[in-house]
Amino acid sequence: MEDFKSICVTEGIKKVDVIKNPTSFPLIGKGAQGAVFKVSSDKCVKICAKPKFAAKEGNVLKIAQESPTIPRFYEVGHNYIIMEYLEGPTLFQYLESGGSYPKN
């Protein structure tokens, strides 16, 4: 497998900027804290602009693994998170299209 650790992102205005992607892994989305790349048919990696973002999100994913709506968490590293790749809209896209999330 190619080394996703060679992908480099930096903070941008509202969303991160991908500075370098010498891999064949396609960009599938970006946000304020990181960019997500599909690394296999069932896994993706989020490369974070700051290591603290990866650590915080990794902890949240670990805690939330019991929920059926949270992607499976595999690994957190210095500035990345490997998680399950799920086909579909992002949470933001879902909510923007009129979807709702239960408050309980």
PDB file of N, CA and C in Angstrom:
ATOM      1  N   MET A   1       0.857  -1.185   0.000  1.00  0.00           N
ATOM      2  CA  MET A   1       0.000   0.000   0.000  1.00  0.00           C
ATOM      3  C   MET A   1       0.898   1.241   0.000  1.00  0.00           C
ATOM      4  N   GLU A   2       0.485   2.231  -0.740  1.00  0.00           N
ATOM      5  CA  GLU A   2       1.213   3.492  -0.768  1.00  0.00           C
ATOM      6  C   GLU A   2       1.200   4.131   0.620  1.00  0.00           C
ATOM      7  N   ASP A   3       2.122   5.031   0.839  1.00  0.00           N
ATOM      8  CA  ASP A   3       2.227   5.665   2.150  1.00  0.00           C
ATOM      9  C   ASP A   3       1.432   6.963   2.199  1.00  0.00           C
ATOM     10  N   PHE A   4       0.276   6.915   2.838  1.00  0.00           N
ATOM     11  CA  PHE A   4      -0.565   8.107   2.965  1.00  0.00           C
ATOM     12  C   PHE A   4       0.108   9.178   3.815  1.00  0.00           C
ATOM     13  N   LYS A   5       1.114   8.795   4.599  1.00  0.00           N
ATOM     14  CA  LYS A   5       1.792   9.750   5.469  1.00  0.00           C
ATOM     15  C   LYS A   5       2.559  10.810   4.685  1.00  0.00           C
ATOM     16  N   SER A   6       2.723  10.607   3.378  1.00  0.00           N
ATOM     17  CA  SER A   6       3.397  11.603   2.545  1.00  0.00           C
ATOM     18  C   SER A   6       2.435  12.704   2.085  1.00  0.00           C
ATOM     19  N   ILE A   7       1.135  12.547   2.374  1.00  0.00           N
ATOM     20  CA  ILE A   7       0.149  13.581   2.037  1.00  0.00           C
ATOM     21  C   ILE A   7       0.287  14.718   3.038  1.00  0.00           C
ATOM     22  N   CYS A   8       0.252  15.944   2.542  1.00  0.00           N
ATOM     23  CA  CYS A   8       0.432  17.108   3.406  1.00  0.00           C
ATOM     24  C   CYS A   8      -0.724  18.088   3.226  1.00  0.00           C
ATOM     25  N   VAL A   9      -1.318  18.503   4.343  1.00  0.00           N
ATOM     26  CA  VAL A   9      -2.385  19.506   4.324  1.00  0.00           C
ATOM     27  C   VAL A   9      -2.018  20.633   5.280  1.00  0.00           C
ATOM     28  N   THR A  10      -2.596  21.797   5.041  1.00  0.00           N
ATOM     29  CA  THR A  10      -2.370  22.940   5.909  1.00  0.00           C
ATOM     30  C   THR A  10      -3.682  23.677   6.104  1.00  0.00           C
ATOM     31  N   GLU A  11      -3.771  24.429   7.177  1.00  0.00           N
ATOM     32  CA  GLU A  11      -4.983  25.204   7.426  1.00  0.00           C
ATOM     33  C   GLU A  11      -5.186  26.221   6.313  1.00  0.00           C
ATOM     34  N   GLY A  12      -6.427  26.335   5.882  1.00  0.00           N
ATOM     35  CA  GLY A  12      -6.793  27.316   4.878  1.00  0.00           C
ATOM     36  C   GLY A  12      -7.907  28.192   5.422  1.00  0.00           C
ATOM     37  N   ILE A  13      -8.545  28.913   4.543  1.00  0.00           N
ATOM     38  CA  ILE A  13      -9.687  29.740   4.935  1.00  0.00           C
ATOM     39  C   ILE A  13     -10.925  28.861   4.847  1.00  0.00           C
ATOM     40  N   LYS A  14     -11.544  28.574   5.960  1.00  0.00           N
ATOM     41  CA  LYS A  14     -12.722  27.714   6.124  1.00  0.00           C
ATOM     42  C   LYS A  14     -12.423  26.231   5.934  1.00  0.00           C
ATOM     43  N   LYS A  15     -11.584  25.856   4.982  1.00  0.00           N
ATOM     44  CA  LYS A  15     -11.241  24.454   4.744  1.00  0.00           C
ATOM     45  C   LYS A  15      -9.731  24.338   4.603  1.00  0.00           C
ATOM     46  N   VAL A  16      -9.216  23.132   4.878  1.00  0.00           N
ATOM     47  CA  VAL A  16      -7.786  22.916   4.715  1.00  0.00           C
ATOM     48  C   VAL A  16      -7.421  22.946   3.236  1.00  0.00           C
ATOM     49  N   ASP A  17      -6.153  23.180   2.965  1.00  0.00           N
ATOM     50  CA  ASP A  17      -5.613  23.104   1.613  1.00  0.00           C
ATOM     51  C   ASP A  17      -4.722  21.875   1.537  1.00  0.00           C
ATOM     52  N   VAL A  18      -4.857  21.115   0.452  1.00  0.00           N
ATOM     53  CA  VAL A  18      -3.980  19.967   0.231  1.00  0.00           C
ATOM     54  C   VAL A  18      -2.723  20.510  -0.453  1.00  0.00           C
ATOM     55  N   ILE A  19      -1.611  20.461   0.243  1.00  0.00           N
ATOM     56  CA  ILE A  19      -0.341  20.980  -0.268  1.00  0.00           C
ATOM     57  C   ILE A  19       0.326  19.971  -1.185  1.00  0.00           C
ATOM     58  N   LYS A  20       0.263  18.682  -0.781  1.00  0.00           N
ATOM     59  CA  LYS A  20       0.945  17.642  -1.543  1.00  0.00           C
ATOM     60  C   LYS A  20       0.198  16.327  -1.385  1.00  0.00           C
ATOM     61  N   ASN A  21      -0.047  15.649  -2.513  1.00  0.00           N
ATOM     62  CA  ASN A  21      -0.587  14.294  -2.491  1.00  0.00           C
ATOM     63  C   ASN A  21       0.131  13.482  -3.570  1.00  0.00           C
ATOM     64  N   PRO A  22       1.286  12.908  -3.214  1.00  0.00           N
ATOM     65  CA  PRO A  22       2.032  12.124  -4.196  1.00  0.00           C
ATOM     66  C   PRO A  22       1.503  10.693  -4.358  1.00  0.00           C
ATOM     67  N   THR A  23       0.353  10.398  -3.758  1.00  0.00           N
ATOM     68  CA  THR A  23      -0.245   9.063  -3.832  1.00  0.00           C
ATOM     69  C   THR A  23      -1.347   9.046  -4.885  1.00  0.00           C
ATOM     70  N   SER A  24      -1.882   7.866  -5.115  1.00  0.00           N
ATOM     71  CA  SER A  24      -3.034   7.735  -6.018  1.00  0.00           C
ATOM     72  C   SER A  24      -4.346   7.752  -5.246  1.00  0.00           C
ATOM     73  N   PHE A  25      -4.292   7.992  -3.937  1.00  0.00           N
ATOM     74  CA  PHE A  25      -5.499   8.006  -3.110  1.00  0.00           C
ATOM     75  C   PHE A  25      -6.321   9.256  -3.434  1.00  0.00           C
ATOM     76  N   PRO A  26      -7.582   9.059  -3.853  1.00  0.00           N
ATOM     77  CA  PRO A  26      -8.403  10.223  -4.216  1.00  0.00           C
ATOM     78  C   PRO A  26      -8.903  10.996  -2.994  1.00  0.00           C
ATOM     79  N   LEU A  27      -8.931  12.304  -3.139  1.00  0.00           N
ATOM     80  CA  LEU A  27      -9.518  13.184  -2.133  1.00  0.00           C
ATOM     81  C   LEU A  27     -11.026  13.004  -2.189  1.00  0.00           C
ATOM     82  N   ILE A  28     -11.645  12.721  -1.041  1.00  0.00           N
ATOM     83  CA  ILE A  28     -13.102  12.558  -1.037  1.00  0.00           C
ATOM     84  C   ILE A  28     -13.806  13.651  -0.247  1.00  0.00           C
ATOM     85  N   GLY A  29     -13.043  14.486   0.427  1.00  0.00           N
ATOM     86  CA  GLY A  29     -13.657  15.597   1.142  1.00  0.00           C
ATOM     87  C   GLY A  29     -12.652  16.349   1.985  1.00  0.00           C
ATOM     88  N   LYS A  30     -12.974  17.615   2.261  1.00  0.00           N
ATOM     89  CA  LYS A  30     -12.135  18.391   3.160  1.00  0.00           C
ATOM     90  C   LYS A  30     -12.987  19.319   3.987  1.00  0.00           C
ATOM     91  N   GLY A  31     -12.470  19.631   5.150  1.00  0.00           N
ATOM     92  CA  GLY A  31     -13.175  20.509   6.072  1.00  0.00           C
ATOM     93  C   GLY A  31     -12.196  21.434   6.758  1.00  0.00           C
ATOM     94  N   ALA A  32     -12.612  21.989   7.875  1.00  0.00           N
ATOM     95  CA  ALA A  32     -11.796  22.971   8.594  1.00  0.00           C
ATOM     96  C   ALA A  32     -10.564  22.343   9.243  1.00  0.00           C
ATOM     97  N   GLN A  33     -10.644  21.058   9.601  1.00  0.00           N
ATOM     98  CA  GLN A  33      -9.546  20.438  10.337  1.00  0.00           C
ATOM     99  C   GLN A  33      -8.694  19.482   9.515  1.00  0.00           C
ATOM    100  N   GLY A  34      -9.249  18.928   8.429  1.00  0.00           N
ATOM    101  CA  GLY A  34      -8.486  17.946   7.672  1.00  0.00           C
ATOM    102  C   GLY A  34      -9.115  17.595   6.341  1.00  0.00           C
ATOM    103  N   ALA A  35      -8.406  16.736   5.611  1.00  0.00           N
ATOM    104  CA  ALA A  35      -8.858  16.248   4.313  1.00  0.00           C
ATOM    105  C   ALA A  35      -8.915  14.727   4.371  1.00  0.00           C
ATOM    106  N   VAL A  36      -9.923  14.143   3.713  1.00  0.00           N
ATOM    107  CA  VAL A  36     -10.141  12.699   3.757  1.00  0.00           C
ATOM    108  C   VAL A  36      -9.845  12.102   2.389  1.00  0.00           C
ATOM    109  N   PHE A  37      -9.081  10.998   2.412  1.00  0.00           N
ATOM    110  CA  PHE A  37      -8.685  10.302   1.202  1.00  0.00           C
ATOM    111  C   PHE A  37      -9.119   8.844   1.300  1.00  0.00           C
ATOM    112  N   LYS A  38      -9.621   8.304   0.204  1.00  0.00           N
ATOM    113  CA  LYS A  38     -10.032   6.896   0.173  1.00  0.00           C
ATOM    114  C   LYS A  38      -8.787   6.051  -0.080  1.00  0.00           C
ATOM    115  N   VAL A  39      -8.462   5.136   0.853  1.00  0.00           N
ATOM    116  CA  VAL A  39      -7.257   4.319   0.723  1.00  0.00           C
ATOM    117  C   VAL A  39      -7.544   2.873   0.318  1.00  0.00           C
ATOM    118  N   SER A  40      -8.798   2.437   0.445  1.00  0.00           N
ATOM    119  CA  SER A  40      -9.211   1.110  -0.020  1.00  0.00           C
ATOM    120  C   SER A  40     -10.730   1.125  -0.162  1.00  0.00           C
ATOM    121  N   SER A  41     -11.297   0.011  -0.560  1.00  0.00           N
ATOM    122  CA  SER A  41     -12.746  -0.031  -0.760  1.00  0.00           C
ATOM    123  C   SER A  41     -13.516   0.147   0.552  1.00  0.00           C
ATOM    124  N   ASP A  42     -12.865  -0.140   1.680  1.00  0.00           N
ATOM    125  CA  ASP A  42     -13.567  -0.049   2.958  1.00  0.00           C
ATOM    126  C   ASP A  42     -12.886   0.837   3.998  1.00  0.00           C
ATOM    127  N   LYS A  43     -11.802   1.554   3.612  1.00  0.00           N
ATOM    128  CA  LYS A  43     -11.109   2.419   4.565  1.00  0.00           C
ATOM    129  C   LYS A  43     -10.761   3.769   3.940  1.00  0.00           C
ATOM    130  N   CYS A  44     -10.717   4.774   4.812  1.00  0.00           N
ATOM    131  CA  CYS A  44     -10.273   6.103   4.400  1.00  0.00           C
ATOM    132  C   CYS A  44      -9.369   6.647   5.491  1.00  0.00           C
ATOM    133  N   VAL A  45      -8.610   7.682   5.134  1.00  0.00           N
ATOM    134  CA  VAL A  45      -7.721   8.309   6.105  1.00  0.00           C
ATOM    135  C   VAL A  45      -7.991   9.805   6.105  1.00  0.00           C
ATOM    136  N   LYS A  46      -8.084  10.359   7.289  1.00  0.00           N
ATOM    137  CA  LYS A  46      -8.223  11.805   7.432  1.00  0.00           C
ATOM    138  C   LYS A  46      -6.865  12.342   7.847  1.00  0.00           C
ATOM    139  N   ILE A  47      -6.307  13.223   7.017  1.00  0.00           N
ATOM    140  CA  ILE A  47      -5.041  13.880   7.323  1.00  0.00           C
ATOM    141  C   ILE A  47      -5.382  15.244   7.918  1.00  0.00           C
ATOM    142  N   CYS A  48      -4.954  15.475   9.130  1.00  0.00           N
ATOM    143  CA  CYS A  48      -5.299  16.708   9.835  1.00  0.00           C
ATOM    144  C   CYS A  48      -4.201  17.751   9.698  1.00  0.00           C
ATOM    145  N   ALA A  49      -4.612  19.012   9.675  1.00  0.00           N
ATOM    146  CA  ALA A  49      -3.662  20.119   9.577  1.00  0.00           C
ATOM    147  C   ALA A  49      -2.834  20.245  10.851  1.00  0.00           C
ATOM    148  N   LYS A  50      -3.407  19.887  11.989  1.00  0.00           N
ATOM    149  CA  LYS A  50      -2.698  19.963  13.269  1.00  0.00           C
ATOM    150  C   LYS A  50      -2.854  18.627  13.992  1.00  0.00           C
ATOM    151  N   PRO A  51      -1.778  18.110  14.562  1.00  0.00           N
ATOM    152  CA  PRO A  51      -1.857  16.832  15.284  1.00  0.00           C
ATOM    153  C   PRO A  51      -2.918  16.800  16.377  1.00  0.00           C
ATOM    154  N   LYS A  52      -3.174  17.929  17.044  1.00  0.00           N
ATOM    155  CA  LYS A  52      -4.166  17.929  18.122  1.00  0.00           C
ATOM    156  C   LYS A  52      -5.558  17.607  17.590  1.00  0.00           C
ATOM    157  N   PHE A  53      -5.855  17.957  16.327  1.00  0.00           N
ATOM    158  CA  PHE A  53      -7.159  17.636  15.743  1.00  0.00           C
ATOM    159  C   PHE A  53      -7.313  16.120  15.606  1.00  0.00           C
ATOM    160  N   ALA A  54      -6.264  15.440  15.149  1.00  0.00           N
ATOM    161  CA  ALA A  54      -6.314  13.978  15.001  1.00  0.00           C
ATOM    162  C   ALA A  54      -6.505  13.308  16.361  1.00  0.00           C
ATOM    163  N   ALA A  55      -5.787  13.775  17.358  1.00  0.00           N
ATOM    164  CA  ALA A  55      -5.885  13.180  18.693  1.00  0.00           C
ATOM    165  C   ALA A  55      -7.299  13.330  19.260  1.00  0.00           C
ATOM    166  N   LYS A  56      -7.854  14.532  19.154  1.00  0.00           N
ATOM    167  CA  LYS A  56      -9.202  14.775  19.696  1.00  0.00           C
ATOM    168  C   LYS A  56     -10.258  13.949  18.972  1.00  0.00           C
ATOM    169  N   GLU A  57     -10.233  13.971  17.634  1.00  0.00           N
ATOM    170  CA  GLU A  57     -11.239  13.225  16.876  1.00  0.00           C
ATOM    171  C   GLU A  57     -11.064  11.724  17.072  1.00  0.00           C
ATOM    172  N   GLY A  58      -9.819  11.263  17.151  1.00  0.00           N
ATOM    173  CA  GLY A  58      -9.569   9.852  17.414  1.00  0.00           C
ATOM    174  C   GLY A  58     -10.170   9.416  18.735  1.00  0.00           C
ATOM    175  N   ASN A  59     -10.035  10.245  19.762  1.00  0.00           N
ATOM    176  CA  ASN A  59     -10.627   9.924  21.070  1.00  0.00           C
ATOM    177  C   ASN A  59     -12.145   9.858  20.995  1.00  0.00           C
ATOM    178  N   VAL A  60     -12.748  10.776  20.287  1.00  0.00           N
ATOM    179  CA  VAL A  60     -14.211  10.771  20.137  1.00  0.00           C
ATOM    180  C   VAL A  60     -14.660   9.501  19.417  1.00  0.00           C
ATOM    181  N   LEU A  61     -13.968   9.139  18.342  1.00  0.00           N
ATOM    182  CA  LEU A  61     -14.332   7.924  17.601  1.00  0.00           C
ATOM    183  C   LEU A  61     -14.185   6.680  18.470  1.00  0.00           C
ATOM    184  N   LYS A  62     -13.142   6.615  19.281  1.00  0.00           N
ATOM    185  CA  LYS A  62     -12.943   5.475  20.188  1.00  0.00           C
ATOM    186  C   LYS A  62     -14.116   5.344  21.153  1.00  0.00           C
ATOM    187  N   ILE A  63     -14.518   6.462  21.745  1.00  0.00           N
ATOM    188  CA  ILE A  63     -15.611   6.470  22.720  1.00  0.00           C
ATOM    189  C   ILE A  63     -16.936   6.091  22.072  1.00  0.00           C
ATOM    190  N   ALA A  64     -17.143   6.523  20.829  1.00  0.00           N
ATOM    191  CA  ALA A  64     -18.438   6.353  20.165  1.00  0.00           C
ATOM    192  C   ALA A  64     -18.572   5.048  19.376  1.00  0.00           C
ATOM    193  N   GLN A  65     -17.638   4.126  19.508  1.00  0.00           N
ATOM    194  CA  GLN A  65     -17.668   2.901  18.709  1.00  0.00           C
ATOM    195  C   GLN A  65     -18.896   2.026  18.952  1.00  0.00           C
ATOM    196  N   GLU A  66     -19.577   2.194  20.038  1.00  0.00           N
ATOM    197  CA  GLU A  66     -20.788   1.415  20.319  1.00  0.00           C
ATOM    198  C   GLU A  66     -21.974   1.871  19.468  1.00  0.00           C
ATOM    199  N   SER A  67     -21.921   3.080  18.937  1.00  0.00           N
ATOM    200  CA  SER A  67     -23.023   3.620  18.148  1.00  0.00           C
ATOM    201  C   SER A  67     -23.020   3.025  16.739  1.00  0.00           C
ATOM    202  N   PRO A  68     -24.194   2.608  16.251  1.00  0.00           N
ATOM    203  CA  PRO A  68     -24.260   2.046  14.900  1.00  0.00           C
ATOM    204  C   PRO A  68     -24.118   3.102  13.797  1.00  0.00           C
ATOM    205  N   THR A  69     -24.135   4.375  14.161  1.00  0.00           N
ATOM    206  CA  THR A  69     -24.053   5.437  13.156  1.00  0.00           C
ATOM    207  C   THR A  69     -22.644   6.017  13.007  1.00  0.00           C
ATOM    208  N   ILE A  70     -21.697   5.523  13.786  1.00  0.00           N
ATOM    209  CA  ILE A  70     -20.323   6.033  13.757  1.00  0.00           C
ATOM    210  C   ILE A  70     -19.449   5.069  12.953  1.00  0.00           C
ATOM    211  N   PRO A  71     -18.602   5.596  12.058  1.00  0.00           N
ATOM    212  CA  PRO A  71     -17.701   4.712  11.304  1.00  0.00           C
ATOM    213  C   PRO A  71     -16.759   3.950  12.238  1.00  0.00           C
ATOM    214  N   ARG A  72     -16.409   2.740  11.832  1.00  0.00           N
ATOM    215  CA  ARG A  72     -15.464   1.946  12.609  1.00  0.00           C
ATOM    216  C   ARG A  72     -14.117   2.663  12.623  1.00  0.00           C
ATOM    217  N   PHE A  73     -13.516   2.727  13.782  1.00  0.00           N
ATOM    218  CA  PHE A  73     -12.231   3.388  13.992  1.00  0.00           C
ATOM    219  C   PHE A  73     -11.132   2.335  13.970  1.00  0.00           C
ATOM    220  N   TYR A  74     -10.057   2.598  13.214  1.00  0.00           N
ATOM    221  CA  TYR A  74      -8.955   1.636  13.134  1.00  0.00           C
ATOM    222  C   TYR A  74      -7.673   2.119  13.813  1.00  0.00           C
ATOM    223  N   GLU A  75      -7.304   3.371  13.570  1.00  0.00           N
ATOM    224  CA  GLU A  75      -5.995   3.820  14.071  1.00  0.00           C
ATOM    225  C   GLU A  75      -5.932   5.342  14.089  1.00  0.00           C
ATOM    226  N   VAL A  76      -5.209   5.873  15.060  1.00  0.00           N
ATOM    227  CA  VAL A  76      -4.905   7.300  15.084  1.00  0.00           C
ATOM    228  C   VAL A  76      -3.388   7.422  15.173  1.00  0.00           C
ATOM    229  N   GLY A  77      -2.850   8.367  14.416  1.00  0.00           N
ATOM    230  CA  GLY A  77      -1.409   8.610  14.433  1.00  0.00           C
ATOM    231  C   GLY A  77      -1.127  10.080  14.682  1.00  0.00           C
ATOM    232  N   HIS A  78       0.073  10.493  14.405  1.00  0.00           N
ATOM    233  CA  HIS A  78       0.516  11.864  14.673  1.00  0.00           C
ATOM    234  C   HIS A  78      -0.450  12.909  14.116  1.00  0.00           C
ATOM    235  N   ASN A  79      -0.833  12.780  12.848  1.00  0.00           N
ATOM    236  CA  ASN A  79      -1.741  13.760  12.237  1.00  0.00           C
ATOM    237  C   ASN A  79      -2.804  13.093  11.367  1.00  0.00           C
ATOM    238  N   TYR A  80      -3.126  11.843  11.659  1.00  0.00           N
ATOM    239  CA  TYR A  80      -4.086  11.124  10.819  1.00  0.00           C
ATOM    240  C   TYR A  80      -4.989  10.205  11.634  1.00  0.00           C
ATOM    241  N   ILE A  81      -6.118   9.855  11.002  1.00  0.00           N
ATOM    242  CA  ILE A  81      -7.064   8.893  11.565  1.00  0.00           C
ATOM    243  C   ILE A  81      -7.463   7.957  10.437  1.00  0.00           C
ATOM    244  N   ILE A  82      -7.360   6.667  10.666  1.00  0.00           N
ATOM    245  CA  ILE A  82      -7.846   5.683   9.700  1.00  0.00           C
ATOM    246  C   ILE A  82      -9.181   5.184  10.219  1.00  0.00           C
ATOM    247  N   MET A  83     -10.182   5.245   9.347  1.00  0.00           N
ATOM    248  CA  MET A  83     -11.528   4.826   9.739  1.00  0.00           C
ATOM    249  C   MET A  83     -12.226   4.135   8.576  1.00  0.00           C
ATOM    250  N   GLU A  84     -13.368   3.569   8.880  1.00  0.00           N
ATOM    251  CA  GLU A  84     -14.184   2.895   7.879  1.00  0.00           C
ATOM    252  C   GLU A  84     -14.668   3.897   6.840  1.00  0.00           C
ATOM    253  N   TYR A  85     -14.626   3.478   5.562  1.00  0.00           N
ATOM    254  CA  TYR A  85     -15.172   4.302   4.488  1.00  0.00           C
ATOM    255  C   TYR A  85     -16.631   3.901   4.288  1.00  0.00           C
ATOM    256  N   LEU A  86     -17.517   4.865   4.388  1.00  0.00           N
ATOM    257  CA  LEU A  86     -18.946   4.639   4.184  1.00  0.00           C
ATOM    258  C   LEU A  86     -19.422   5.489   3.021  1.00  0.00           C
ATOM    259  N   GLU A  87     -20.127   4.887   2.112  1.00  0.00           N
ATOM    260  CA  GLU A  87     -20.673   5.599   0.951  1.00  0.00           C
ATOM    261  C   GLU A  87     -21.887   6.410   1.392  1.00  0.00           C
ATOM    262  N   GLY A  88     -21.970   7.647   0.961  1.00  0.00           N
ATOM    263  CA  GLY A  88     -23.133   8.464   1.286  1.00  0.00           C
ATOM    264  C   GLY A  88     -22.743   9.902   1.547  1.00  0.00           C
ATOM    265  N   PRO A  89     -23.736  10.710   1.874  1.00  0.00           N
ATOM    266  CA  PRO A  89     -23.447  12.137   2.122  1.00  0.00           C
ATOM    267  C   PRO A  89     -22.735  12.321   3.460  1.00  0.00           C
ATOM    268  N   THR A  90     -22.041  13.438   3.588  1.00  0.00           N
ATOM    269  CA  THR A  90     -21.458  13.788   4.877  1.00  0.00           C
ATOM    270  C   THR A  90     -22.590  14.199   5.805  1.00  0.00           C
ATOM    271  N   LEU A  91     -22.305  14.272   7.090  1.00  0.00           N
ATOM    272  CA  LEU A  91     -23.326  14.707   8.046  1.00  0.00           C
ATOM    273  C   LEU A  91     -23.819  16.108   7.679  1.00  0.00           C
ATOM    274  N   PHE A  92     -22.893  16.996   7.310  1.00  0.00           N
ATOM    275  CA  PHE A  92     -23.267  18.354   6.921  1.00  0.00           C
ATOM    276  C   PHE A  92     -24.190  18.333   5.699  1.00  0.00           C
ATOM    277  N   GLN A  93     -23.868  17.539   4.682  1.00  0.00           N
ATOM    278  CA  GLN A  93     -24.709  17.443   3.481  1.00  0.00           C
ATOM    279  C   GLN A  93     -26.095  16.901   3.829  1.00  0.00           C
ATOM    280  N   TYR A  94     -26.139  15.904   4.692  1.00  0.00           N
ATOM    281  CA  TYR A  94     -27.408  15.311   5.104  1.00  0.00           C
ATOM    282  C   TYR A  94     -28.297  16.341   5.801  1.00  0.00           C
ATOM    283  N   LEU A  95     -27.718  17.061   6.754  1.00  0.00           N
ATOM    284  CA  LEU A  95     -28.494  18.059   7.493  1.00  0.00           C
ATOM    285  C   LEU A  95     -28.899  19.225   6.591  1.00  0.00           C
ATOM    286  N   GLU A  96     -28.003  19.615   5.685  1.00  0.00           N
ATOM    287  CA  GLU A  96     -28.290  20.713   4.766  1.00  0.00           C
ATOM    288  C   GLU A  96     -29.448  20.372   3.824  1.00  0.00           C
ATOM    289  N   SER A  97     -29.616  19.081   3.495  1.00  0.00           N
ATOM    290  CA  SER A  97     -30.667  18.661   2.583  1.00  0.00           C
ATOM    291  C   SER A  97     -32.020  18.471   3.294  1.00  0.00           C
ATOM    292  N   GLY A  98     -32.056  18.774   4.599  1.00  0.00           N
ATOM    293  CA  GLY A  98     -33.310  18.684   5.326  1.00  0.00           C
ATOM    294  C   GLY A  98     -33.407  17.485   6.235  1.00  0.00           C
ATOM    295  N   GLY A  99     -32.367  16.666   6.282  1.00  0.00           N
ATOM    296  CA  GLY A  99     -32.360  15.518   7.180  1.00  0.00           C
ATOM    297  C   GLY A  99     -32.263  15.988   8.627  1.00  0.00           C
ATOM    298  N   SER A 100     -32.628  15.111   9.541  1.00  0.00           N
ATOM    299  CA  SER A 100     -32.560  15.476  10.958  1.00  0.00           C
ATOM    300  C   SER A 100     -31.826  14.407  11.725  1.00  0.00           C
ATOM    301  N   TYR A 101     -31.384  14.754  12.906  1.00  0.00           N
ATOM    302  CA  TYR A 101     -30.690  13.830  13.787  1.00  0.00           C
ATOM    303  C   TYR A 101     -31.435  13.833  15.120  1.00  0.00           C
ATOM    304  N   PRO A 102     -31.774  12.644  15.638  1.00  0.00           N
ATOM    305  CA  PRO A 102     -32.528  12.609  16.896  1.00  0.00           C
ATOM    306  C   PRO A 102     -31.756  13.252  18.035  1.00  0.00           C
ATOM    307  N   LYS A 103     -32.476  13.930  18.935  1.00  0.00           N
ATOM    308  CA  LYS A 103     -31.849  14.652  20.029  1.00  0.00           C
ATOM    309  C   LYS A 103     -31.601  13.803  21.258  1.00  0.00           C
ATOM    310  N   ASN A 104     -32.082  12.553  21.314  1.00  0.00           N
ATOM    311  CA  ASN A 104     -31.908  11.734  22.505  1.00  0.00           C
ATOM    312  C   ASN A 104     -30.522  11.283  22.544  1.00  0.00           C
TER     313      ASN A 104
END
